[in-house]
Amino acid sequence: MRMWGVNPKMLCNQHLLGEHLEMHMFVGAINKGKNIQGYIDKNLVNVQKISMRHTELVKEMESRGMHHNSTLIAHYSLLKGTINIENNIKDLSDRCEKCRERIKQSGSGAVAARNAHNVEVASSNLVSPNYFNGGYSSIG
């Protein structure tokens, strides 16, 4: 499970739907009292941003003509976490040819990473102004 955190337009359909499912899985684990600290320690999820991320993913899914019927269950956690957008863009590019093409369409990987809202929340609770705030590069 992982929160990619990149501009959802950069994700191929498989990764878009996969990340959407994983937001539900994270909430389910939290609500069941399962330990997700390993995901937090590996910078794979920002727990405080799951609901916002889910909303972003749904918006992109619907813009692609996909139907969404799964309401995200309410969750509460004092856990925080960080994700590394630059690493996630590189990882997506290395893993998936379709994502790599979508990332290229958005500009260069470095520019996309800068515009894709890097996150640091763990101790300071500060969030960059572009994070989950529409601060994305467009991919035309």
Protein backbone atom coordinates (compact mmCIF):
# COMPACT_ATOMS: atom_id res chain seq x y z
CA MET A 1 0.00 0.00 0.00
CA ARG A 2 1.18 3.49 -0.77
CA MET A 3 0.09 7.06 -1.22
CA TRP A 4 1.79 8.20 -4.40
CA GLY A 5 0.79 11.81 -3.78
CA VAL A 6 1.68 12.92 -7.30
CA ASN A 7 -0.69 14.85 -9.52
CA PRO A 8 -3.38 12.22 -10.26
CA LYS A 9 -3.20 13.18 -13.96
CA MET A 10 0.27 11.57 -13.98
CA LEU A 11 -1.12 8.18 -12.97
CA CYS A 12 -2.16 5.56 -15.50
CA ASN A 13 -5.63 4.08 -14.91
CA GLN A 14 -4.19 1.09 -13.05
CA HIS A 15 -2.18 3.20 -10.61
CA LEU A 16 -5.05 5.70 -10.20
CA LEU A 17 -7.50 2.94 -9.26
CA GLY A 18 -4.86 1.19 -7.17
CA GLU A 19 -4.07 4.24 -5.09
CA HIS A 20 -7.78 4.89 -4.63
CA LEU A 21 -8.26 1.36 -3.29
CA GLU A 22 -5.24 1.75 -1.03
CA MET A 23 -6.69 4.89 0.58
CA HIS A 24 -9.67 2.73 1.57
CA MET A 25 -7.31 0.01 2.80
CA PHE A 26 -5.36 2.46 4.96
CA VAL A 27 -8.59 3.74 6.53
CA GLY A 28 -9.78 0.19 7.11
CA ALA A 29 -6.52 -0.73 8.80
CA ILE A 30 -6.61 2.39 11.00
CA ASN A 31 -10.22 1.77 12.01
CA LYS A 32 -9.44 -1.86 12.88
CA GLY A 33 -6.51 -0.77 15.05
CA LYS A 34 -3.93 -2.39 12.76
CA ASN A 35 -0.40 -1.11 12.99
CA ILE A 36 0.58 0.90 9.90
CA GLN A 37 3.74 2.35 11.43
CA GLY A 38 5.89 0.48 8.89
CA TYR A 39 4.21 2.37 6.04
CA ILE A 40 4.75 5.63 7.89
CA ASP A 41 8.39 4.81 8.61
CA LYS A 42 8.98 4.06 4.91
CA ASN A 43 7.35 7.37 3.86
CA LEU A 44 4.54 5.56 2.07
CA VAL A 45 1.59 7.40 3.62
CA ASN A 46 0.65 10.72 5.15
CA VAL A 47 -2.25 9.67 7.37
CA GLN A 48 -3.49 13.22 7.84
CA LYS A 49 -3.98 13.57 4.05
CA ILE A 50 -5.82 10.32 3.25
CA SER A 51 -9.28 11.91 2.96
CA MET A 52 -8.02 14.80 0.82
CA ARG A 53 -6.08 12.43 -1.39
CA HIS A 54 -9.14 10.20 -1.81
CA THR A 55 -11.14 13.23 -2.98
CA GLU A 56 -8.44 14.14 -5.52
CA LEU A 57 -8.29 10.62 -6.87
CA VAL A 58 -12.08 10.44 -7.22
CA LYS A 59 -12.12 13.75 -9.10
CA GLU A 60 -9.55 12.43 -11.58
CA MET A 61 -11.35 9.08 -11.89
CA GLU A 62 -14.59 10.88 -12.76
CA SER A 63 -12.80 13.14 -15.25
CA ARG A 64 -11.73 9.94 -17.05
CA GLY A 65 -15.31 8.68 -17.15
CA MET A 66 -14.90 6.20 -14.30
CA HIS A 67 -17.69 5.69 -11.79
CA HIS A 68 -17.10 6.03 -8.06
CA ASN A 69 -19.38 4.33 -5.57
CA SER A 70 -17.21 3.87 -2.47
CA THR A 71 -17.54 6.47 0.25
CA LEU A 72 -14.43 6.77 2.38
CA ILE A 73 -15.22 5.72 5.94
CA ALA A 74 -14.45 8.31 8.60
CA HIS A 75 -11.19 7.71 10.44
CA TYR A 76 -9.21 9.39 13.15
CA SER A 77 -5.59 8.97 13.94
CA LEU A 78 -2.87 10.93 15.69
CA LEU A 79 -0.40 9.35 13.28
CA LYS A 80 1.12 11.64 10.69
CA GLY A 81 3.77 10.62 8.18
CA THR A 82 5.46 11.98 5.08
CA ILE A 83 5.68 11.01 1.46
CA ASN A 84 8.49 11.83 -0.93
CA ILE A 85 7.00 12.98 -4.21
CA GLU A 86 10.29 13.06 -6.12
CA ASN A 87 11.02 9.43 -5.18
CA ASN A 88 7.46 8.44 -6.04
CA ILE A 89 7.68 10.04 -9.50
CA LYS A 90 10.94 8.19 -10.14
CA ASP A 91 9.46 4.94 -8.85
CA LEU A 92 6.35 5.30 -11.03
CA SER A 93 8.51 6.11 -14.07
CA ASP A 94 10.68 3.06 -13.43
CA ARG A 95 7.71 0.72 -12.85
CA CYS A 96 5.14 1.74 -15.40
CA GLU A 97 5.50 2.74 -19.03
CA LYS A 98 2.04 4.35 -19.09
CA CYS A 99 2.79 6.47 -16.01
CA ARG A 100 6.20 7.35 -17.46
CA GLU A 101 4.46 8.71 -20.59
CA ARG A 102 1.93 10.69 -18.53
CA ILE A 103 4.78 12.12 -16.41
CA LYS A 104 6.68 13.11 -19.57
CA GLN A 105 3.54 14.86 -20.88
CA SER A 106 3.45 16.93 -17.68
CA GLY A 107 6.96 18.27 -18.28
CA SER A 108 10.24 16.90 -17.01
CA GLY A 109 10.31 14.62 -13.99
CA ALA A 110 12.20 17.21 -11.96
CA VAL A 111 9.75 19.99 -12.83
CA ALA A 112 6.82 17.66 -12.20
CA ALA A 113 8.26 16.70 -8.83
CA ARG A 114 8.68 20.32 -7.80
CA ASN A 115 5.16 21.15 -8.93
CA ALA A 116 3.65 18.00 -7.49
CA HIS A 117 3.73 19.18 -3.87
CA ASN A 118 6.38 17.60 -1.69
CA VAL A 119 5.19 16.91 1.85
CA GLU A 120 6.82 17.23 5.25
CA VAL A 121 4.39 16.78 8.10
CA ALA A 122 5.95 14.40 10.61
CA SER A 123 7.14 16.75 13.30
CA SER A 124 6.26 20.25 12.20
CA ASN A 125 2.75 19.75 10.80
CA LEU A 126 3.74 22.14 7.99
CA VAL A 127 2.54 21.45 4.47
CA SER A 128 3.88 23.06 1.33
CA PRO A 129 1.40 25.49 -0.24
CA ASN A 130 0.91 23.32 -3.34
CA TYR A 131 0.21 20.07 -1.51
CA PHE A 132 -3.31 18.86 -2.30
CA ASN A 133 -4.13 22.40 -3.35
CA GLY A 134 -4.26 22.13 -7.10
CA GLY A 135 -0.60 23.14 -7.48
CA TYR A 136 0.05 20.72 -10.31
CA SER A 137 1.59 20.97 -13.73
CA SER A 138 -0.99 20.46 -16.42
CA ILE A 139 -0.55 17.66 -18.91
CA GLY A 140 -2.73 19.11 -21.65
